[in-house]
Amino acid sequence: MDPESQDYDFIVVGFGAAGLSAALSYAEASENWERPARIAVLERAPRAERGGATRWTGAFLRVDEQRNLDTDWVDHMRRVSGGLADEEYCRTLEQQTPETLRFLERHGVRIRFDDFPLPHTFHGGQPGMSAPASPDGGGASIVENLGNELEADPRVDVHYETEAFRLGLDDNGDVNSVLARGSDGRLRRLRGTAVVLACGGFEGNAEMLARYAGAGACDLPLIAPGVGNNRGDALRMTSELGADTAGQFDMIHAEPVDRRTDAADAVLYGFSYGIFLNGKLERFFDEGQNTWDNTFEHVGYEVWRNQNQEAYWIADAKTLSIPGIMNSLLSDVPPEQADTIEELADKLGVDPGGLDKAVAEFNAAIRPGEFGPFGFDAKHTTGLEPDKSNWAIPLDTAPFIGIPITAAVCFTYGGVRTDTSARVVTPSTTAIPGLYAAGEATGLFYHAYPPATSVLRSLIFGRRAAHHAAGFAR
């Protein structure tokens, strides 16, 4: 017997930035149709927890005040990926950024530009102190503004606590339905002329994470509760239809977080002026090799992959004196603070002699030069392994501060391959009729993630999917 069925024009799987922008854009595009379009949005979480990863992120946006994407970003993607990233996709993202942010603002999400205490390369690829952009209220603002608007639209049905199980095809091979399971455990078939998969990567699926990312994946905590709902559904369902993949499957976006707290997104960005030590109280990373935005992911990955998920960040009063520095330490627990290195070691639960030795060796290796926290200052060390390339200042002034660090997974790199209209494609680049995907369900990144673009690409390609599907339906 066929499961209970409902008919829609457009079915969206996922309630994060990609899914919300897709559903709302389709609603806009179909406003003047003779027959009102019917739209379904499926969300695995209950209403109070809706929004996936988007709900929990601060959502930096790599744009200037004219809403233009960083002019270096496409070239940056080519450099870090070794030419593997889809350049046409990246160019489309660049072109669509201004209009997509205007769309966001039309729907009540205010873009703000707040000062940040660290230099970044969000504008033109060179270190600078311009205020980075983000939604006022972070990603939660996107979820609430767009989500509430969809809930108020009589053409839209939001199905909470509903999992997408399988895609259905008509006799021609067009995707025409989603088989879904509700909280009662029963299956329902939602029929529609187009389906968008916007349900994230596979970081919430321990089996898939271990299969692709490798040994030790079970030790990765999730950076926020919402990413636990990213179970690889898009990848699983599309692989059954012969869809292609993109992105580096054995790489993840990991971030260094405070391991004293379970709070979401407790990321340490402001590490450049101190030092990292592993569980053996040995340095393992050049904290000054680049600006924080180009290194924080690599710190997180290194802590997980090679440092047994144990590290410590150590700094002193000179770091504390940098204006606004606490805004770059996102934990809800302040750093441990002490008048001596030995006292700090006790608070961190590490060997006082080992910590004192590590700090003394670092201090002795620092070369003369002027400390310049707002750009590369070439103040470095010599004779260490590894040396510190910039911002090498002695740790000799109380109070001394420290944070115990672990790595948390934020999203996965590998996913479904799409074209610039967000259509899911086969290895021959043939689009599968009626099937789209957007956001972190789709693969793009290789070797590194140039940050402040994840939410942005989700919004852009959710809209691209909706516009293409609405044009086809019309």
Protein backbone atom coordinates (compact mmCIF):
# COMPACT_ATOMS: atom_id res chain seq x y z
CA MET A 1 0.00 0.00 0.00
CA ASP A 2 1.33 3.44 -0.92
CA PRO A 3 1.93 5.67 2.12
CA GLU A 4 -0.40 8.58 2.75
CA SER A 5 0.47 11.27 0.19
CA GLN A 6 0.30 15.06 -0.10
CA ASP A 7 0.79 17.16 -3.22
CA TYR A 8 3.12 20.17 -3.47
CA ASP A 9 4.86 22.18 -6.15
CA PHE A 10 8.13 22.60 -4.27
CA ILE A 11 9.59 20.47 -1.46
CA VAL A 12 12.51 21.68 0.64
CA VAL A 13 14.41 19.34 2.95
CA GLY A 14 16.11 21.39 5.68
CA PHE A 15 15.38 24.54 7.68
CA GLY A 16 18.79 26.24 7.68
CA ALA A 17 19.97 29.12 5.52
CA ALA A 18 19.84 27.13 2.27
CA GLY A 19 16.39 25.66 2.83
CA LEU A 20 14.84 28.87 4.12
CA SER A 21 16.15 30.97 1.24
CA ALA A 22 14.94 28.34 -1.23
CA ALA A 23 11.42 28.15 0.20
CA LEU A 24 11.00 31.90 0.55
CA SER A 25 12.44 32.61 -2.90
CA TYR A 26 10.04 30.10 -4.48
CA ALA A 27 7.14 31.72 -2.63
CA GLU A 28 8.16 35.10 -4.04
CA ALA A 29 8.69 33.78 -7.57
CA SER A 30 5.22 32.19 -7.64
CA GLU A 31 3.25 35.09 -6.16
CA ASN A 32 1.48 35.97 -9.42
CA TRP A 33 0.64 32.46 -10.57
CA GLU A 34 -3.01 31.83 -11.38
CA ARG A 35 -3.01 28.98 -8.90
CA PRO A 36 -1.22 29.51 -5.56
CA ALA A 37 1.91 27.38 -5.32
CA ARG A 38 2.10 24.86 -2.51
CA ILE A 39 5.43 24.56 -0.68
CA ALA A 40 6.56 22.01 1.90
CA VAL A 41 9.55 22.41 4.22
CA LEU A 42 10.80 19.36 6.11
CA GLU A 43 12.79 19.84 9.32
CA ARG A 44 14.22 16.92 11.27
CA ALA A 45 14.29 18.90 14.55
CA PRO A 46 11.34 20.05 16.66
CA ARG A 47 10.30 23.67 16.19
CA ALA A 48 12.21 24.93 19.23
CA GLU A 49 15.47 23.55 17.81
CA ARG A 50 14.89 24.34 14.13
CA GLY A 51 17.59 25.80 11.92
CA GLY A 52 20.41 23.26 11.88
CA ALA A 53 23.91 24.75 11.98
CA THR A 54 22.61 28.16 10.89
CA ARG A 55 20.82 28.71 14.18
CA TRP A 56 24.07 28.56 16.17
CA THR A 57 26.62 30.36 14.01
CA GLY A 58 27.70 33.97 14.31
CA ALA A 59 27.66 33.90 10.49
CA PHE A 60 30.55 36.10 9.44
CA LEU A 61 29.98 37.34 5.88
CA ARG A 62 33.00 37.97 3.65
CA VAL A 63 31.62 41.18 2.13
CA ASP A 64 32.21 44.93 2.14
CA GLU A 65 29.66 47.58 3.06
CA GLN A 66 28.38 47.64 -0.54
CA ARG A 67 27.51 43.95 -0.10
CA ASN A 68 30.17 42.82 -2.56
CA LEU A 69 32.11 39.59 -1.99
CA ASP A 70 35.81 39.82 -1.16
CA THR A 71 37.54 40.46 -4.50
CA ASP A 72 40.23 37.89 -3.67
CA TRP A 73 37.91 35.04 -2.71
CA VAL A 74 37.62 33.27 -6.07
CA ASP A 75 41.40 33.34 -6.52
CA HIS A 76 41.81 32.28 -2.90
CA MET A 77 39.62 29.26 -3.58
CA ARG A 78 41.72 28.36 -6.61
CA ARG A 79 44.95 28.65 -4.62
CA VAL A 80 43.98 26.61 -1.57
CA SER A 81 42.14 23.92 -3.53
CA GLY A 82 44.94 23.47 -6.05
CA GLY A 83 42.44 24.21 -8.81
CA LEU A 84 40.01 21.47 -7.70
CA ALA A 85 37.18 23.78 -6.61
CA ASP A 86 34.49 24.51 -9.21
CA GLU A 87 35.46 27.98 -10.42
CA GLU A 88 32.21 28.59 -12.28
CA TYR A 89 30.33 27.90 -9.04
CA CYS A 90 32.64 30.32 -7.22
CA ARG A 91 32.14 33.02 -9.86
CA THR A 92 28.37 32.58 -9.58
CA LEU A 93 28.61 33.01 -5.82
CA GLU A 94 30.57 36.22 -6.33
CA GLN A 95 28.03 37.61 -8.80
CA GLN A 96 25.00 36.74 -6.71
CA THR A 97 26.25 38.03 -3.34
CA PRO A 98 24.90 41.62 -3.44
CA GLU A 99 21.36 40.68 -4.49
CA THR A 100 21.23 37.80 -2.03
CA LEU A 101 22.12 40.07 0.88
CA ARG A 102 19.53 42.58 -0.29
CA PHE A 103 17.03 39.70 -0.25
CA LEU A 104 18.05 38.92 3.32
CA GLU A 105 17.64 42.53 4.38
CA ARG A 106 14.24 42.82 2.70
CA HIS A 107 13.11 40.01 4.96
CA GLY A 108 14.13 41.65 8.19
CA VAL A 109 17.72 40.50 8.69
CA ARG A 110 19.94 43.48 9.44
CA ILE A 111 23.58 43.28 8.33
CA ARG A 112 25.95 44.90 10.78
CA PHE A 113 29.67 45.72 10.67
CA ASP A 114 31.26 45.40 14.10
CA ASP A 115 34.90 46.07 14.95
CA PHE A 116 36.94 42.92 15.55
CA PRO A 117 40.27 42.96 17.43
CA LEU A 118 42.24 40.82 14.97
CA PRO A 119 43.49 41.47 11.43
CA HIS A 120 41.78 39.36 8.74
CA THR A 121 41.94 38.96 4.96
CA PHE A 122 38.25 39.33 4.14
CA HIS A 123 38.79 42.34 1.87
CA GLY A 124 41.23 41.96 -1.00
CA GLY A 125 43.33 39.21 0.51
CA GLN A 126 45.59 41.51 2.53
CA PRO A 127 45.58 41.74 6.34
CA GLY A 128 43.36 44.57 7.51
CA MET A 129 41.25 45.73 10.42
CA SER A 130 38.04 46.63 8.57
CA ALA A 131 34.92 45.64 10.47
CA PRO A 132 33.65 42.23 9.29
CA ALA A 133 29.98 41.79 8.42
CA SER A 134 27.46 39.50 10.09
CA PRO A 135 23.70 39.35 10.61
CA ASP A 136 22.53 41.22 13.67
CA GLY A 137 21.77 38.30 15.98
CA GLY A 138 23.88 35.85 13.98
CA GLY A 139 22.44 32.91 12.11
CA ALA A 140 19.51 32.73 14.53
CA SER A 141 18.26 35.98 13.01
CA ILE A 142 18.09 34.30 9.60
CA VAL A 143 16.22 31.31 11.02
CA GLU A 144 13.68 33.37 12.93
CA ASN A 145 12.98 36.06 10.34
CA LEU A 146 12.72 33.79 7.31
CA GLY A 147 11.20 30.91 9.26
CA ASN A 148 8.44 33.01 10.80
CA GLU A 149 7.59 34.49 7.42
CA LEU A 150 7.24 31.03 5.92
CA GLU A 151 5.07 29.84 8.79
CA ALA A 152 2.73 32.79 8.24
CA ASP A 153 2.34 32.02 4.52
CA PRO A 154 -0.81 29.91 3.88
CA ARG A 155 0.89 28.36 0.85
CA VAL A 156 3.62 26.81 3.02
CA ASP A 157 3.46 23.71 5.22
CA VAL A 158 6.36 23.25 7.65
CA HIS A 159 6.73 19.63 8.74
CA TYR A 160 8.78 19.54 11.95
CA GLU A 161 10.26 16.32 13.36
CA THR A 162 10.15 14.87 9.86
CA GLU A 163 12.99 12.98 8.19
CA ALA A 164 13.50 12.61 4.47
CA PHE A 165 13.91 8.92 3.77
CA ARG A 166 13.94 8.38 0.00
CA LEU A 167 13.41 10.24 -3.27
CA GLY A 168 10.75 9.06 -5.69
CA LEU A 169 10.90 9.05 -9.50
CA ASP A 170 8.28 9.09 -12.21
CA ASP A 171 8.43 6.83 -15.26
CA ASN A 172 10.78 9.26 -17.04
CA GLY A 173 13.29 9.40 -14.20
CA ASP A 174 12.25 12.85 -12.93
CA VAL A 175 12.32 13.29 -9.17
CA ASN A 176 8.70 13.80 -8.17
CA SER A 177 8.40 12.99 -4.47
CA VAL A 178 10.00 12.54 -1.07
CA LEU A 179 9.18 9.62 1.18
CA ALA A 180 9.32 11.05 4.70
CA ARG A 181 8.97 9.69 8.22
CA GLY A 182 7.27 11.75 10.91
CA SER A 183 7.60 11.60 14.68
CA ASP A 184 4.97 8.86 14.77
CA GLY A 185 7.30 6.63 12.77
CA ARG A 186 4.93 6.37 9.84
CA LEU A 187 5.86 7.11 6.25
CA ARG A 188 4.21 9.74 4.09
CA ARG A 189 4.84 10.51 0.45
CA LEU A 190 5.11 14.21 -0.40
CA ARG A 191 4.72 14.70 -4.13
CA GLY A 192 6.16 17.71 -5.91
CA THR A 193 7.55 18.90 -9.22
CA ALA A 194 10.85 19.88 -7.62
CA VAL A 195 12.83 18.87 -4.51
CA VAL A 196 15.68 20.80 -2.88
CA LEU A 197 18.03 18.99 -0.51
CA ALA A 198 19.31 21.54 1.99
CA CYS A 199 19.87 19.26 4.96
CA GLY A 200 23.59 19.73 5.66
CA GLY A 201 26.57 17.41 5.50
CA PHE A 202 27.26 14.23 7.46
CA GLU A 203 29.00 15.52 10.59
CA GLY A 204 26.10 14.30 12.74
CA ASN A 205 26.43 10.74 11.41
CA ALA A 206 29.24 8.98 13.30
CA GLU A 207 29.36 6.07 10.85
CA MET A 208 29.72 8.28 7.77
CA LEU A 209 32.18 10.58 9.53
CA ALA A 210 34.40 7.63 10.40
CA ARG A 211 34.04 6.17 6.90
CA TYR A 212 35.23 9.34 5.19
CA ALA A 213 37.22 11.38 7.74
CA GLY A 214 38.95 8.34 9.20
CA ALA A 215 40.04 6.97 12.54
CA GLY A 216 39.26 9.02 15.61
CA ALA A 217 36.14 10.62 14.18
CA CYS A 218 34.24 9.41 17.25
CA ASP A 219 36.34 11.80 19.35
CA LEU A 220 35.04 14.88 17.54
CA PRO A 221 32.40 16.78 19.50
CA LEU A 222 29.86 18.79 17.52
CA ILE A 223 30.38 22.53 17.56
CA ALA A 224 26.66 23.11 18.16
CA PRO A 225 23.57 20.97 18.80
CA GLY A 226 22.00 21.74 15.43
CA VAL A 227 24.71 20.03 13.39
CA GLY A 228 23.74 16.72 14.99
CA ASN A 229 20.78 16.67 12.60
CA ASN A 230 23.10 16.73 9.58
CA ARG A 231 23.07 13.00 8.96
CA GLY A 232 24.20 12.73 5.35
CA ASP A 233 20.65 12.35 4.05
CA ALA A 234 21.32 14.27 0.84
CA LEU A 235 24.37 12.19 0.02
CA ARG A 236 22.59 8.94 0.82
CA MET A 237 19.45 9.69 -1.20
CA THR A 238 21.21 11.11 -4.26
CA SER A 239 23.75 8.28 -4.46
CA GLU A 240 20.82 5.92 -5.04
CA LEU A 241 20.04 7.92 -8.19
CA GLY A 242 23.59 7.93 -9.55
CA ALA A 243 24.40 11.53 -8.62
CA ASP A 244 28.00 12.72 -8.60
CA THR A 245 29.93 14.06 -5.63
CA ALA A 246 32.29 16.98 -5.07
CA GLY A 247 34.56 18.23 -2.32
CA GLN A 248 37.26 16.50 -0.27
CA PHE A 249 35.60 13.69 1.66
CA ASP A 250 38.46 13.02 4.06
CA MET A 251 38.61 16.66 5.21
CA ILE A 252 36.43 18.47 7.72
CA HIS A 253 36.04 22.02 8.95
CA ALA A 254 37.16 21.70 12.57
CA GLU A 255 37.54 24.61 14.98
CA PRO A 256 39.49 25.02 18.25
CA VAL A 257 37.00 25.30 21.10
CA ASP A 258 37.13 25.66 24.88
CA ARG A 259 36.80 22.18 26.32
CA ARG A 260 35.59 23.46 29.71
CA THR A 261 32.14 24.20 28.34
CA ASP A 262 29.33 22.57 26.39
CA ALA A 263 28.17 25.93 25.04
CA ALA A 264 27.71 26.12 21.29
CA ASP A 265 30.34 27.80 19.12
CA ALA A 266 32.83 28.35 21.98
CA VAL A 267 35.59 29.07 19.44
CA LEU A 268 39.01 30.55 20.16
CA TYR A 269 39.78 33.03 17.38
CA GLY A 270 42.21 35.30 19.22
CA PHE A 271 45.09 32.86 19.54
CA SER A 272 47.66 34.61 17.33
CA TYR A 273 49.44 36.46 20.14
CA GLY A 274 49.92 33.50 22.48
CA ILE A 275 51.21 29.96 22.03
CA PHE A 276 49.65 26.51 21.64
CA LEU A 277 50.98 23.55 23.61
CA ASN A 278 49.88 19.93 23.28
CA GLY A 279 49.29 17.43 26.08
CA LYS A 280 53.06 16.95 26.41
CA LEU A 281 53.41 20.74 26.81
CA GLU A 282 55.21 21.05 23.49
CA ARG A 283 54.49 23.61 20.81
CA PHE A 284 53.07 22.07 17.62
CA PHE A 285 51.78 24.96 15.48
CA ASP A 286 53.08 28.29 14.13
CA GLU A 287 50.47 30.59 15.65
CA GLY A 288 51.72 33.54 13.59
CA GLN A 289 52.00 31.96 10.15
CA ASN A 290 48.94 33.84 8.89
CA THR A 291 45.92 35.76 10.10
CA TRP A 292 43.41 33.94 12.31
CA ASP A 293 40.90 33.44 9.49
CA ASN A 294 43.47 31.47 7.49
CA THR A 295 44.71 29.34 10.39
CA PHE A 296 41.95 28.62 12.93
CA GLU A 297 40.62 25.70 10.90
CA HIS A 298 44.10 24.20 10.59
CA VAL A 299 44.64 24.48 14.34
CA GLY A 300 41.40 22.62 14.95
CA TYR A 301 42.21 19.88 12.46
CA GLU A 302 45.73 19.46 13.87
CA VAL A 303 44.48 19.19 17.45
CA TRP A 304 42.10 16.43 16.40
CA ARG A 305 44.20 14.54 13.91
CA ASN A 306 47.64 14.64 15.53
CA GLN A 307 47.41 15.99 19.10
CA ASN A 308 44.97 13.53 20.68
CA GLN A 309 42.32 16.22 21.10
CA GLU A 310 44.32 17.96 23.84
CA ALA A 311 45.90 21.40 23.62
CA TYR A 312 46.37 24.53 25.70
CA TRP A 313 46.52 28.16 24.67
CA ILE A 314 48.80 30.32 26.83
CA ALA A 315 49.14 34.12 26.79
CA ASP A 316 49.77 36.98 29.18
CA ALA A 317 48.80 40.55 30.05
CA LYS A 318 50.03 41.94 26.72
CA THR A 319 47.35 39.96 24.90
CA LEU A 320 44.73 40.99 27.44
CA SER A 321 45.61 44.65 26.82
CA ILE A 322 44.67 44.51 23.12
CA PRO A 323 41.37 46.42 22.83
CA GLY A 324 38.40 44.12 22.39
CA ILE A 325 40.43 40.91 22.54
CA MET A 326 37.81 39.17 24.68
CA ASN A 327 35.38 39.49 21.76
CA SER A 328 37.56 36.97 19.91
CA LEU A 329 37.31 34.35 22.68
CA LEU A 330 33.75 33.12 22.25
CA SER A 331 33.54 30.78 25.23
CA ASP A 332 31.03 31.52 27.97
CA VAL A 333 33.81 30.73 30.47
CA PRO A 334 36.59 33.34 30.88
CA PRO A 335 40.22 32.21 30.45
CA GLU A 336 41.98 30.80 33.47
CA GLN A 337 44.04 33.61 34.99
CA ALA A 338 46.99 33.54 37.39
CA ASP A 339 49.85 35.68 38.74
CA THR A 340 52.48 33.03 37.95
CA ILE A 341 53.03 30.33 35.36
CA GLU A 342 53.03 27.71 38.12
CA GLU A 343 49.67 28.89 39.41
CA LEU A 344 48.26 28.87 35.85
CA ALA A 345 49.50 25.29 35.41
CA ASP A 346 47.60 24.24 38.53
CA LYS A 347 44.41 25.83 37.20
CA LEU A 348 44.83 24.09 33.84
CA GLY A 349 45.67 20.77 35.46
CA VAL A 350 49.08 20.44 33.78
CA ASP A 351 52.61 19.95 35.09
CA PRO A 352 53.96 23.29 36.44
CA GLY A 353 57.56 22.45 35.60
CA GLY A 354 56.67 21.42 32.06
CA LEU A 355 54.66 24.58 31.43
CA ASP A 356 57.39 26.80 32.89
CA LYS A 357 59.99 25.10 30.66
CA ALA A 358 57.87 25.52 27.51
CA VAL A 359 57.26 29.21 28.18
CA ALA A 360 60.93 29.85 29.04
CA GLU A 361 62.13 28.17 25.81
CA PHE A 362 59.67 30.20 23.77
CA ASN A 363 60.70 33.48 25.42
CA ALA A 364 64.39 32.78 24.86
CA ALA A 365 63.87 32.19 21.14
CA ILE A 366 62.17 35.54 20.42
CA ARG A 367 64.12 37.89 18.18
CA PRO A 368 64.17 41.68 18.59
CA GLY A 369 61.49 43.69 16.82
CA GLU A 370 58.41 45.79 17.41
CA PHE A 371 55.14 44.08 18.19
CA GLY A 372 52.35 45.13 15.83
CA PRO A 373 49.11 43.29 16.58
CA PHE A 374 47.12 44.72 13.65
CA GLY A 375 49.19 43.37 10.76
CA PHE A 376 52.12 41.05 10.04
CA ASP A 377 54.97 42.40 12.17
CA ALA A 378 57.70 39.80 11.37
CA LYS A 379 58.46 39.58 15.09
CA HIS A 380 59.50 35.96 15.19
CA THR A 381 61.45 33.23 16.94
CA THR A 382 64.47 31.23 15.83
CA GLY A 383 65.59 27.77 16.84
CA LEU A 384 62.20 26.35 17.76
CA GLU A 385 60.25 23.57 16.08
CA PRO A 386 58.08 25.10 14.83
CA ASP A 387 59.16 28.72 14.95
CA LYS A 388 56.60 31.47 15.30
CA SER A 389 56.54 33.77 12.24
CA ASN A 390 54.74 36.84 13.56
CA TRP A 391 53.51 38.31 16.86
CA ALA A 392 56.16 36.50 18.95
CA ILE A 393 56.03 38.43 22.22
CA PRO A 394 57.49 37.21 25.53
CA LEU A 395 55.06 35.62 27.93
CA ASP A 396 56.47 37.34 31.00
CA THR A 397 53.84 39.73 32.34
CA ALA A 398 51.12 38.82 34.82
CA PRO A 399 48.33 38.03 34.69
CA PHE A 400 49.00 34.89 32.68
CA ILE A 401 45.99 33.34 30.94
CA GLY A 402 45.20 29.94 29.51
CA ILE A 403 42.38 27.95 27.93
CA PRO A 404 42.29 24.16 27.50
CA ILE A 405 41.41 23.43 23.87
CA THR A 406 39.87 20.61 21.91
CA ALA A 407 38.62 20.45 18.32
CA ALA A 408 34.95 20.38 17.32
CA VAL A 409 33.56 19.51 13.90
CA CYS A 410 31.56 22.26 12.22
CA PHE A 411 30.90 20.79 8.77
CA THR A 412 32.17 18.28 6.25
CA TYR A 413 33.75 19.12 2.87
CA GLY A 414 32.40 16.31 0.69
CA GLY A 415 28.87 16.32 -0.65
CA VAL A 416 26.56 16.27 -3.63
CA ARG A 417 27.76 17.85 -6.88
CA THR A 418 25.57 20.58 -8.38
CA ASP A 419 25.77 23.01 -11.26
CA THR A 420 25.43 26.78 -11.00
CA SER A 421 21.63 26.50 -10.96
CA ALA A 422 21.92 24.18 -7.94
CA ARG A 423 20.72 21.20 -10.00
CA VAL A 424 22.10 17.84 -8.84
CA VAL A 425 24.21 16.32 -11.61
CA THR A 426 25.55 12.90 -12.57
CA PRO A 427 29.26 12.20 -13.28
CA SER A 428 28.60 13.16 -16.92
CA THR A 429 27.28 16.55 -15.64
CA THR A 430 23.72 15.65 -16.70
CA ALA A 431 21.20 17.33 -14.42
CA ILE A 432 18.73 14.99 -12.71
CA PRO A 433 15.30 16.52 -13.52
CA GLY A 434 13.45 17.96 -10.56
CA LEU A 435 16.33 17.58 -8.09
CA TYR A 436 18.35 20.40 -6.51
CA ALA A 437 20.72 20.75 -3.57
CA ALA A 438 22.22 23.72 -1.74
CA GLY A 439 24.36 24.60 1.25
CA GLU A 440 26.60 22.19 3.11
CA ALA A 441 24.81 19.22 1.55
CA THR A 442 26.86 20.09 -1.54
CA GLY A 443 30.60 19.59 -1.92
CA LEU A 444 32.91 22.46 -2.78
CA PHE A 445 36.01 22.74 -0.60
CA TYR A 446 39.40 21.05 -0.92
CA HIS A 447 42.33 21.33 1.52
CA ALA A 448 41.00 24.48 3.23
CA TYR A 449 37.84 26.47 3.78
CA PRO A 450 38.24 30.22 3.13
CA PRO A 451 35.86 31.29 5.89
CA ALA A 452 32.88 33.61 6.19
CA THR A 453 31.24 32.10 3.09
CA SER A 454 29.36 29.02 4.31
CA VAL A 455 26.11 30.77 5.23
CA LEU A 456 26.50 33.02 2.19
CA ARG A 457 26.77 30.16 -0.30
CA SER A 458 23.84 28.42 1.38
CA LEU A 459 21.64 31.48 0.88
CA ILE A 460 22.78 32.04 -2.69
CA PHE A 461 22.31 28.52 -4.01
CA GLY A 462 19.07 27.99 -2.12
CA ARG A 463 17.77 30.95 -4.11
CA ARG A 464 19.30 29.64 -7.34
CA ALA A 465 17.48 26.35 -6.87
CA ALA A 466 14.15 28.09 -6.24
CA HIS A 467 14.45 30.41 -9.22
CA HIS A 468 15.34 27.61 -11.61
CA ALA A 469 12.56 25.36 -10.31
CA ALA A 470 9.96 28.13 -10.40
CA GLY A 471 10.96 29.07 -13.94
CA PHE A 472 10.65 25.47 -15.04
CA ALA A 473 7.25 25.08 -13.36
CA ARG A 474 5.93 28.32 -14.83
